Amino acid sequence: TTPIFMVGAATLAIFAALTAYVFITRKDFSFMRG
């Protein structure tokens, strides 16, 4: 169970970091859709 929780925590950390990057830079990544 412990490694699963660690992977979950790492996933949330990566999500938070990417979210912070977008909010700080305010870049529009809609061009990536295609």
PDB file of all heavy atoms in Angstrom:
ATOM      1  N   THR A   1       0.803  -1.220   0.000  1.00  0.00           N
ATOM      2  CA  THR A   1       0.000   0.000   0.000  1.00  0.00           C
ATOM      3  C   THR A   1       0.839   1.275   0.000  1.00  0.00           C
ATOM      4  O   THR A   1       0.516   2.250  -0.683  1.00  0.00           O
ATOM      5  CB  THR A   1      -0.933   0.018   1.226  1.00  0.00           C
ATOM      6  OG1 THR A   1      -1.778  -1.139   1.183  1.00  0.00           O
ATOM      7  CG2 THR A   1      -1.811   1.257   1.228  1.00  0.00           C
ATOM      8  N   THR A   2       1.929   1.283   0.753  1.00  0.00           N
ATOM      9  CA  THR A   2       2.730   2.509   0.891  1.00  0.00           C
ATOM     10  C   THR A   2       3.238   3.047  -0.436  1.00  0.00           C
ATOM     11  O   THR A   2       3.113   4.259  -0.705  1.00  0.00           O
ATOM     12  CB  THR A   2       3.904   2.273   1.861  1.00  0.00           C
ATOM     13  OG1 THR A   2       3.392   1.898   3.145  1.00  0.00           O
ATOM     14  CG2 THR A   2       4.740   3.533   2.006  1.00  0.00           C
ATOM     15  N   PRO A   3       3.819   2.229  -1.320  1.00  0.00           N
ATOM     16  CA  PRO A   3       4.267   2.760  -2.610  1.00  0.00           C
ATOM     17  C   PRO A   3       3.137   3.360  -3.440  1.00  0.00           C
ATOM     18  O   PRO A   3       3.351   4.328  -4.183  1.00  0.00           O
ATOM     19  CB  PRO A   3       4.878   1.536  -3.302  1.00  0.00           C
ATOM     20  CG  PRO A   3       5.295   0.644  -2.185  1.00  0.00           C
ATOM     21  CD  PRO A   3       4.234   0.817  -1.145  1.00  0.00           C
ATOM     22  N   ILE A   4       1.932   2.817  -3.314  1.00  0.00           N
ATOM     23  CA  ILE A   4       0.799   3.369  -4.054  1.00  0.00           C
ATOM     24  C   ILE A   4       0.498   4.783  -3.568  1.00  0.00           C
ATOM     25  O   ILE A   4       0.264   5.701  -4.369  1.00  0.00           O
ATOM     26  CB  ILE A   4      -0.442   2.468  -3.905  1.00  0.00           C
ATOM     27  CG1 ILE A   4      -0.178   1.098  -4.521  1.00  0.00           C
ATOM     28  CG2 ILE A   4      -1.658   3.125  -4.553  1.00  0.00           C
ATOM     29  CD1 ILE A   4      -1.302   0.100  -4.317  1.00  0.00           C
ATOM     30  N   PHE A   5       0.516   4.975  -2.248  1.00  0.00           N
ATOM     31  CA  PHE A   5       0.295   6.313  -1.697  1.00  0.00           C
ATOM     32  C   PHE A   5       1.410   7.269  -2.127  1.00  0.00           C
ATOM     33  O   PHE A   5       1.162   8.451  -2.397  1.00  0.00           O
ATOM     34  CB  PHE A   5       0.208   6.256  -0.175  1.00  0.00           C
ATOM     35  CG  PHE A   5      -1.128   5.822   0.336  1.00  0.00           C
ATOM     36  CD1 PHE A   5      -1.275   4.614   0.999  1.00  0.00           C
ATOM     37  CD2 PHE A   5      -2.251   6.613   0.158  1.00  0.00           C
ATOM     38  CE1 PHE A   5      -2.509   4.197   1.474  1.00  0.00           C
ATOM     39  CE2 PHE A   5      -3.495   6.213   0.634  1.00  0.00           C
ATOM     40  CZ  PHE A   5      -3.625   5.005   1.279  1.00  0.00           C
ATOM     41  N   MET A   6       2.628   6.765  -2.193  1.00  0.00           N
ATOM     42  CA  MET A   6       3.753   7.612  -2.611  1.00  0.00           C
ATOM     43  C   MET A   6       3.594   8.042  -4.063  1.00  0.00           C
ATOM     44  O   MET A   6       3.864   9.194  -4.414  1.00  0.00           O
ATOM     45  CB  MET A   6       5.069   6.854  -2.401  1.00  0.00           C
ATOM     46  CG  MET A   6       5.424   6.604  -0.940  1.00  0.00           C
ATOM     47  SD  MET A   6       6.941   5.619  -0.723  1.00  0.00           S
ATOM     48  CE  MET A   6       8.152   6.740  -1.443  1.00  0.00           C
ATOM     49  N   VAL A   7       3.149   7.109  -4.914  1.00  0.00           N
ATOM     50  CA  VAL A   7       2.902   7.455  -6.314  1.00  0.00           C
ATOM     51  C   VAL A   7       1.773   8.483  -6.413  1.00  0.00           C
ATOM     52  O   VAL A   7       1.841   9.431  -7.201  1.00  0.00           O
ATOM     53  CB  VAL A   7       2.562   6.195  -7.130  1.00  0.00           C
ATOM     54  CG1 VAL A   7       2.036   6.560  -8.515  1.00  0.00           C
ATOM     55  CG2 VAL A   7       3.790   5.310  -7.262  1.00  0.00           C
ATOM     56  N   GLY A   8       0.731   8.297  -5.596  1.00  0.00           N
ATOM     57  CA  GLY A   8      -0.358   9.263  -5.595  1.00  0.00           C
ATOM     58  C   GLY A   8       0.108  10.638  -5.176  1.00  0.00           C
ATOM     59  O   GLY A   8      -0.280  11.649  -5.785  1.00  0.00           O
ATOM     60  N   ALA A   9       0.955  10.695  -4.147  1.00  0.00           N
ATOM     61  CA  ALA A   9       1.478  11.983  -3.688  1.00  0.00           C
ATOM     62  C   ALA A   9       2.350  12.631  -4.759  1.00  0.00           C
ATOM     63  O   ALA A   9       2.289  13.850  -4.995  1.00  0.00           O
ATOM     64  CB  ALA A   9       2.273  11.787  -2.399  1.00  0.00           C
ATOM     65  N   ALA A  10       3.168  11.814  -5.430  1.00  0.00           N
ATOM     66  CA  ALA A  10       4.012  12.346  -6.502  1.00  0.00           C
ATOM     67  C   ALA A  10       3.164  12.865  -7.657  1.00  0.00           C
ATOM     68  O   ALA A  10       3.477  13.903  -8.263  1.00  0.00           O
ATOM     69  CB  ALA A  10       4.972  11.260  -6.993  1.00  0.00           C
ATOM     70  N   THR A  11       2.081  12.157  -7.973  1.00  0.00           N
ATOM     71  CA  THR A  11       1.175  12.595  -9.032  1.00  0.00           C
ATOM     72  C   THR A  11       0.571  13.952  -8.703  1.00  0.00           C
ATOM     73  O   THR A  11       0.527  14.854  -9.547  1.00  0.00           O
ATOM     74  CB  THR A  11       0.053  11.559  -9.235  1.00  0.00           C
ATOM     75  OG1 THR A  11       0.627  10.307  -9.609  1.00  0.00           O
ATOM     76  CG2 THR A  11      -0.910  12.015 -10.321  1.00  0.00           C
ATOM     77  N   LEU A  12       0.107  14.109  -7.469  1.00  0.00           N
ATOM     78  CA  LEU A  12      -0.472  15.390  -7.055  1.00  0.00           C
ATOM     79  C   LEU A  12       0.580  16.498  -7.067  1.00  0.00           C
ATOM     80  O   LEU A  12       0.271  17.650  -7.423  1.00  0.00           O
ATOM     81  CB  LEU A  12      -1.086  15.258  -5.664  1.00  0.00           C
ATOM     82  CG  LEU A  12      -2.359  14.424  -5.565  1.00  0.00           C
ATOM     83  CD1 LEU A  12      -2.781  14.272  -4.101  1.00  0.00           C
ATOM     84  CD2 LEU A  12      -3.494  15.065  -6.375  1.00  0.00           C
ATOM     85  N   ALA A  13       1.819  16.164  -6.699  1.00  0.00           N
ATOM     86  CA  ALA A  13       2.883  17.169  -6.697  1.00  0.00           C
ATOM     87  C   ALA A  13       3.185  17.646  -8.115  1.00  0.00           C
ATOM     88  O   ALA A  13       3.368  18.850  -8.360  1.00  0.00           O
ATOM     89  CB  ALA A  13       4.144  16.600  -6.045  1.00  0.00           C
ATOM     90  N   ILE A  14       3.230  16.713  -9.062  1.00  0.00           N
ATOM     91  CA  ILE A  14       3.474  17.090 -10.460  1.00  0.00           C
ATOM     92  C   ILE A  14       2.321  17.936 -10.986  1.00  0.00           C
ATOM     93  O   ILE A  14       2.521  18.960 -11.656  1.00  0.00           O
ATOM     94  CB  ILE A  14       3.665  15.832 -11.325  1.00  0.00           C
ATOM     95  CG1 ILE A  14       4.943  15.100 -10.927  1.00  0.00           C
ATOM     96  CG2 ILE A  14       3.692  16.190 -12.809  1.00  0.00           C
ATOM     97  CD1 ILE A  14       5.101  13.743 -11.577  1.00  0.00           C
ATOM     98  N   PHE A  15       1.096  17.521 -10.659  1.00  0.00           N
ATOM     99  CA  PHE A  15      -0.079  18.286 -11.070  1.00  0.00           C
ATOM    100  C   PHE A  15      -0.027  19.706 -10.506  1.00  0.00           C
ATOM    101  O   PHE A  15      -0.285  20.678 -11.220  1.00  0.00           O
ATOM    102  CB  PHE A  15      -1.345  17.572 -10.599  1.00  0.00           C
ATOM    103  CG  PHE A  15      -2.619  18.270 -10.957  1.00  0.00           C
ATOM    104  CD1 PHE A  15      -3.203  18.084 -12.205  1.00  0.00           C
ATOM    105  CD2 PHE A  15      -3.246  19.122 -10.048  1.00  0.00           C
ATOM    106  CE1 PHE A  15      -4.387  18.726 -12.541  1.00  0.00           C
ATOM    107  CE2 PHE A  15      -4.420  19.772 -10.378  1.00  0.00           C
ATOM    108  CZ  PHE A  15      -4.994  19.576 -11.627  1.00  0.00           C
ATOM    109  N   ALA A  16       0.325  19.823  -9.230  1.00  0.00           N
ATOM    110  CA  ALA A  16       0.398  21.148  -8.594  1.00  0.00           C
ATOM    111  C   ALA A  16       1.483  22.007  -9.244  1.00  0.00           C
ATOM    112  O   ALA A  16       1.279  23.216  -9.466  1.00  0.00           O
ATOM    113  CB  ALA A  16       0.672  20.987  -7.097  1.00  0.00           C
ATOM    114  N   ALA A  17       2.624  21.404  -9.564  1.00  0.00           N
ATOM    115  CA  ALA A  17       3.716  22.160 -10.177  1.00  0.00           C
ATOM    116  C   ALA A  17       3.328  22.661 -11.564  1.00  0.00           C
ATOM    117  O   ALA A  17       3.592  23.831 -11.916  1.00  0.00           O
ATOM    118  CB  ALA A  17       4.973  21.288 -10.254  1.00  0.00           C
ATOM    119  N   LEU A  18       2.703  21.804 -12.364  1.00  0.00           N
ATOM    120  CA  LEU A  18       2.282  22.219 -13.702  1.00  0.00           C
ATOM    121  C   LEU A  18       1.188  23.286 -13.624  1.00  0.00           C
ATOM    122  O   LEU A  18       1.176  24.240 -14.414  1.00  0.00           O
ATOM    123  CB  LEU A  18       1.782  21.008 -14.488  1.00  0.00           C
ATOM    124  CG  LEU A  18       2.845  19.964 -14.831  1.00  0.00           C
ATOM    125  CD1 LEU A  18       2.192  18.719 -15.436  1.00  0.00           C
ATOM    126  CD2 LEU A  18       3.866  20.537 -15.800  1.00  0.00           C
ATOM    127  N   THR A  19       0.274  23.119 -12.668  1.00  0.00           N
ATOM    128  CA  THR A  19      -0.780  24.113 -12.488  1.00  0.00           C
ATOM    129  C   THR A  19      -0.188  25.459 -12.093  1.00  0.00           C
ATOM    130  O   THR A  19      -0.577  26.510 -12.629  1.00  0.00           O
ATOM    131  CB  THR A  19      -1.768  23.642 -11.397  1.00  0.00           C
ATOM    132  OG1 THR A  19      -2.360  22.406 -11.797  1.00  0.00           O
ATOM    133  CG2 THR A  19      -2.868  24.680 -11.174  1.00  0.00           C
ATOM    134  N   ALA A  20       0.759  25.440 -11.164  1.00  0.00           N
ATOM    135  CA  ALA A  20       1.399  26.680 -10.732  1.00  0.00           C
ATOM    136  C   ALA A  20       2.115  27.357 -11.900  1.00  0.00           C
ATOM    137  O   ALA A  20       2.071  28.599 -12.036  1.00  0.00           O
ATOM    138  CB  ALA A  20       2.382  26.397  -9.601  1.00  0.00           C
ATOM    139  N   TYR A  21       2.759  26.563 -12.748  1.00  0.00           N
ATOM    140  CA  TYR A  21       3.463  27.137 -13.896  1.00  0.00           C
ATOM    141  C   TYR A  21       2.502  27.892 -14.813  1.00  0.00           C
ATOM    142  O   TYR A  21       2.795  29.010 -15.248  1.00  0.00           O
ATOM    143  CB  TYR A  21       4.164  26.028 -14.678  1.00  0.00           C
ATOM    144  CG  TYR A  21       4.834  26.514 -15.943  1.00  0.00           C
ATOM    145  CD1 TYR A  21       6.043  27.190 -15.887  1.00  0.00           C
ATOM    146  CD2 TYR A  21       4.251  26.304 -17.198  1.00  0.00           C
ATOM    147  CE1 TYR A  21       6.662  27.657 -17.042  1.00  0.00           C
ATOM    148  CE2 TYR A  21       4.857  26.765 -18.349  1.00  0.00           C
ATOM    149  CZ  TYR A  21       6.060  27.442 -18.270  1.00  0.00           C
ATOM    150  OH  TYR A  21       6.648  27.907 -19.412  1.00  0.00           O
ATOM    151  N   VAL A  22       1.351  27.286 -15.090  1.00  0.00           N
ATOM    152  CA  VAL A  22       0.377  27.938 -15.959  1.00  0.00           C
ATOM    153  C   VAL A  22      -0.166  29.194 -15.302  1.00  0.00           C
ATOM    154  O   VAL A  22      -0.306  30.251 -15.953  1.00  0.00           O
ATOM    155  CB  VAL A  22      -0.781  26.975 -16.304  1.00  0.00           C
ATOM    156  CG1 VAL A  22      -1.849  27.700 -17.122  1.00  0.00           C
ATOM    157  CG2 VAL A  22      -0.260  25.772 -17.080  1.00  0.00           C
ATOM    158  N   PHE A  23      -0.471  29.123 -14.013  1.00  0.00           N
ATOM    159  CA  PHE A  23      -1.037  30.287 -13.327  1.00  0.00           C
ATOM    160  C   PHE A  23      -0.026  31.429 -13.215  1.00  0.00           C
ATOM    161  O   PHE A  23      -0.398  32.594 -13.292  1.00  0.00           O
ATOM    162  CB  PHE A  23      -1.542  29.879 -11.943  1.00  0.00           C
ATOM    163  CG  PHE A  23      -2.957  29.389 -11.932  1.00  0.00           C
ATOM    164  CD1 PHE A  23      -3.270  28.122 -12.412  1.00  0.00           C
ATOM    165  CD2 PHE A  23      -3.989  30.180 -11.464  1.00  0.00           C
ATOM    166  CE1 PHE A  23      -4.571  27.660 -12.416  1.00  0.00           C
ATOM    167  CE2 PHE A  23      -5.296  29.737 -11.468  1.00  0.00           C
ATOM    168  CZ  PHE A  23      -5.603  28.468 -11.949  1.00  0.00           C
ATOM    169  N   ILE A  24       1.228  31.079 -13.022  1.00  0.00           N
ATOM    170  CA  ILE A  24       2.257  32.120 -12.886  1.00  0.00           C
ATOM    171  C   ILE A  24       2.566  32.766 -14.230  1.00  0.00           C
ATOM    172  O   ILE A  24       2.653  33.992 -14.352  1.00  0.00           O
ATOM    173  CB  ILE A  24       3.531  31.538 -12.252  1.00  0.00           C
ATOM    174  CG1 ILE A  24       3.262  31.162 -10.792  1.00  0.00           C
ATOM    175  CG2 ILE A  24       4.680  32.543 -12.326  1.00  0.00           C
ATOM    176  CD1 ILE A  24       4.388  30.385 -10.133  1.00  0.00           C
ATOM    177  N   THR A  25       2.756  31.952 -15.252  1.00  0.00           N
ATOM    178  CA  THR A  25       3.105  32.487 -16.571  1.00  0.00           C
ATOM    179  C   THR A  25       1.895  32.979 -17.348  1.00  0.00           C
ATOM    180  O   THR A  25       2.035  33.795 -18.256  1.00  0.00           O
ATOM    181  CB  THR A  25       3.817  31.420 -17.410  1.00  0.00           C
ATOM    182  OG1 THR A  25       2.920  30.318 -17.675  1.00  0.00           O
ATOM    183  CG2 THR A  25       5.058  30.888 -16.684  1.00  0.00           C
ATOM    184  N   ARG A  26       0.702  32.416 -17.005  1.00  0.00           N
ATOM    185  CA  ARG A  26      -0.547  32.744 -17.697  1.00  0.00           C
ATOM    186  C   ARG A  26      -0.469  32.445 -19.193  1.00  0.00           C
ATOM    187  O   ARG A  26      -1.142  33.080 -20.007  1.00  0.00           O
ATOM    188  CB  ARG A  26      -0.943  34.209 -17.464  1.00  0.00           C
ATOM    189  CG  ARG A  26      -1.054  34.567 -16.000  1.00  0.00           C
ATOM    190  CD  ARG A  26      -1.725  35.898 -15.793  1.00  0.00           C
ATOM    191  NE  ARG A  26      -3.138  35.816 -16.123  1.00  0.00           N
ATOM    192  CZ  ARG A  26      -4.071  35.325 -15.318  1.00  0.00           C
ATOM    193  NH1 ARG A  26      -3.742  34.841 -14.130  1.00  0.00           N
ATOM    194  NH2 ARG A  26      -5.331  35.289 -15.692  1.00  0.00           N
ATOM    195  N   LYS A  27       0.320  31.465 -19.569  1.00  0.00           N
ATOM    196  CA  LYS A  27       0.438  31.077 -20.967  1.00  0.00           C
ATOM    197  C   LYS A  27      -0.806  30.330 -21.419  1.00  0.00           C
ATOM    198  O   LYS A  27      -1.446  29.632 -20.635  1.00  0.00           O
ATOM    199  CB  LYS A  27       1.678  30.203 -21.187  1.00  0.00           C
ATOM    200  CG  LYS A  27       2.991  30.956 -21.071  1.00  0.00           C
ATOM    201  CD  LYS A  27       4.163  30.047 -21.417  1.00  0.00           C
ATOM    202  CE  LYS A  27       5.481  30.811 -21.354  1.00  0.00           C
ATOM    203  NZ  LYS A  27       6.632  29.930 -21.713  1.00  0.00           N
ATOM    204  N   ASP A  28      -1.134  30.472 -22.683  1.00  0.00           N
ATOM    205  CA  ASP A  28      -2.272  29.779 -23.272  1.00  0.00           C
ATOM    206  C   ASP A  28      -1.743  28.581 -24.058  1.00  0.00           C
ATOM    207  O   ASP A  28      -1.073  28.744 -25.076  1.00  0.00           O
ATOM    208  CB  ASP A  28      -3.041  30.731 -24.188  1.00  0.00           C
ATOM    209  CG  ASP A  28      -4.334  30.121 -24.714  1.00  0.00           C
ATOM    210  OD1 ASP A  28      -4.529  28.906 -24.542  1.00  0.00           O
ATOM    211  OD2 ASP A  28      -5.138  30.854 -25.307  1.00  0.00           O
ATOM    212  N   PHE A  29      -2.042  27.388 -23.582  1.00  0.00           N
ATOM    213  CA  PHE A  29      -1.563  26.165 -24.221  1.00  0.00           C
ATOM    214  C   PHE A  29      -2.623  25.527 -25.118  1.00  0.00           C
ATOM    215  O   PHE A  29      -2.513  24.354 -25.454  1.00  0.00           O
ATOM    216  CB  PHE A  29      -1.114  25.157 -23.161  1.00  0.00           C
ATOM    217  CG  PHE A  29       0.155  25.530 -22.457  1.00  0.00           C
ATOM    218  CD1 PHE A  29       0.120  26.240 -21.262  1.00  0.00           C
ATOM    219  CD2 PHE A  29       1.392  25.189 -22.980  1.00  0.00           C
ATOM    220  CE1 PHE A  29       1.284  26.592 -20.606  1.00  0.00           C
ATOM    221  CE2 PHE A  29       2.562  25.537 -22.338  1.00  0.00           C
ATOM    222  CZ  PHE A  29       2.515  26.246 -21.134  1.00  0.00           C
ATOM    223  N   SER A  30      -3.626  26.288 -25.507  1.00  0.00           N
ATOM    224  CA  SER A  30      -4.671  25.716 -26.359  1.00  0.00           C
ATOM    225  C   SER A  30      -4.121  25.276 -27.712  1.00  0.00           C
ATOM    226  O   SER A  30      -4.727  24.431 -28.379  1.00  0.00           O
ATOM    227  CB  SER A  30      -5.813  26.715 -26.550  1.00  0.00           C
ATOM    228  OG  SER A  30      -5.353  27.909 -27.152  1.00  0.00           O
ATOM    229  N   PHE A  31      -2.979  25.820 -28.122  1.00  0.00           N
ATOM    230  CA  PHE A  31      -2.364  25.426 -29.391  1.00  0.00           C
ATOM    231  C   PHE A  31      -1.932  23.959 -29.373  1.00  0.00           C
ATOM    232  O   PHE A  31      -1.683  23.355 -30.430  1.00  0.00           O
ATOM    233  CB  PHE A  31      -1.145  26.309 -29.682  1.00  0.00           C
ATOM    234  CG  PHE A  31       0.003  26.118 -28.725  1.00  0.00           C
ATOM    235  CD1 PHE A  31       0.984  25.167 -28.980  1.00  0.00           C
ATOM    236  CD2 PHE A  31       0.089  26.878 -27.573  1.00  0.00           C
ATOM    237  CE1 PHE A  31       2.045  24.984 -28.097  1.00  0.00           C
ATOM    238  CE2 PHE A  31       1.145  26.704 -26.682  1.00  0.00           C
ATOM    239  CZ  PHE A  31       2.114  25.756 -26.943  1.00  0.00           C
ATOM    240  N   MET A  32      -1.846  23.358 -28.186  1.00  0.00           N
ATOM    241  CA  MET A  32      -1.385  21.981 -28.073  1.00  0.00           C
ATOM    242  C   MET A  32      -2.467  20.966 -28.416  1.00  0.00           C
ATOM    243  O   MET A  32      -2.168  19.774 -28.533  1.00  0.00           O
ATOM    244  CB  MET A  32      -0.889  21.707 -26.642  1.00  0.00           C
ATOM    245  CG  MET A  32       0.310  22.508 -26.221  1.00  0.00           C
ATOM    246  SD  MET A  32       0.728  22.278 -24.463  1.00  0.00           S
ATOM    247  CE  MET A  32       1.078  20.515 -24.424  1.00  0.00           C
ATOM    248  N   ARG A  33      -3.694  21.418 -28.578  1.00  0.00           N
ATOM    249  CA  ARG A  33      -4.794  20.466 -28.722  1.00  0.00           C
ATOM    250  C   ARG A  33      -4.571  19.484 -29.866  1.00  0.00           C
ATOM    251  O   ARG A  33      -4.730  18.274 -29.702  1.00  0.00           O
ATOM    252  CB  ARG A  33      -6.109  21.200 -28.926  1.00  0.00           C
ATOM    253  CG  ARG A  33      -7.290  20.244 -29.033  1.00  0.00           C
ATOM    254  CD  ARG A  33      -8.580  20.952 -29.322  1.00  0.00           C
ATOM    255  NE  ARG A  33      -9.697  20.008 -29.315  1.00  0.00           N
ATOM    256  CZ  ARG A  33     -10.934  20.324 -29.635  1.00  0.00           C
ATOM    257  NH1 ARG A  33     -11.229  21.547 -29.997  1.00  0.00           N
ATOM    258  NH2 ARG A  33     -11.887  19.414 -29.597  1.00  0.00           N
ATOM    259  N   GLY A  34      -4.216  19.989 -31.049  1.00  0.00           N
ATOM    260  CA  GLY A  34      -4.039  19.111 -32.199  1.00  0.00           C
ATOM    261  C   GLY A  34      -2.970  18.059 -31.968  1.00  0.00           C
ATOM    262  O   GLY A  34      -3.152  16.874 -32.277  1.00  0.00           O
TER     263      GLY A  34
END
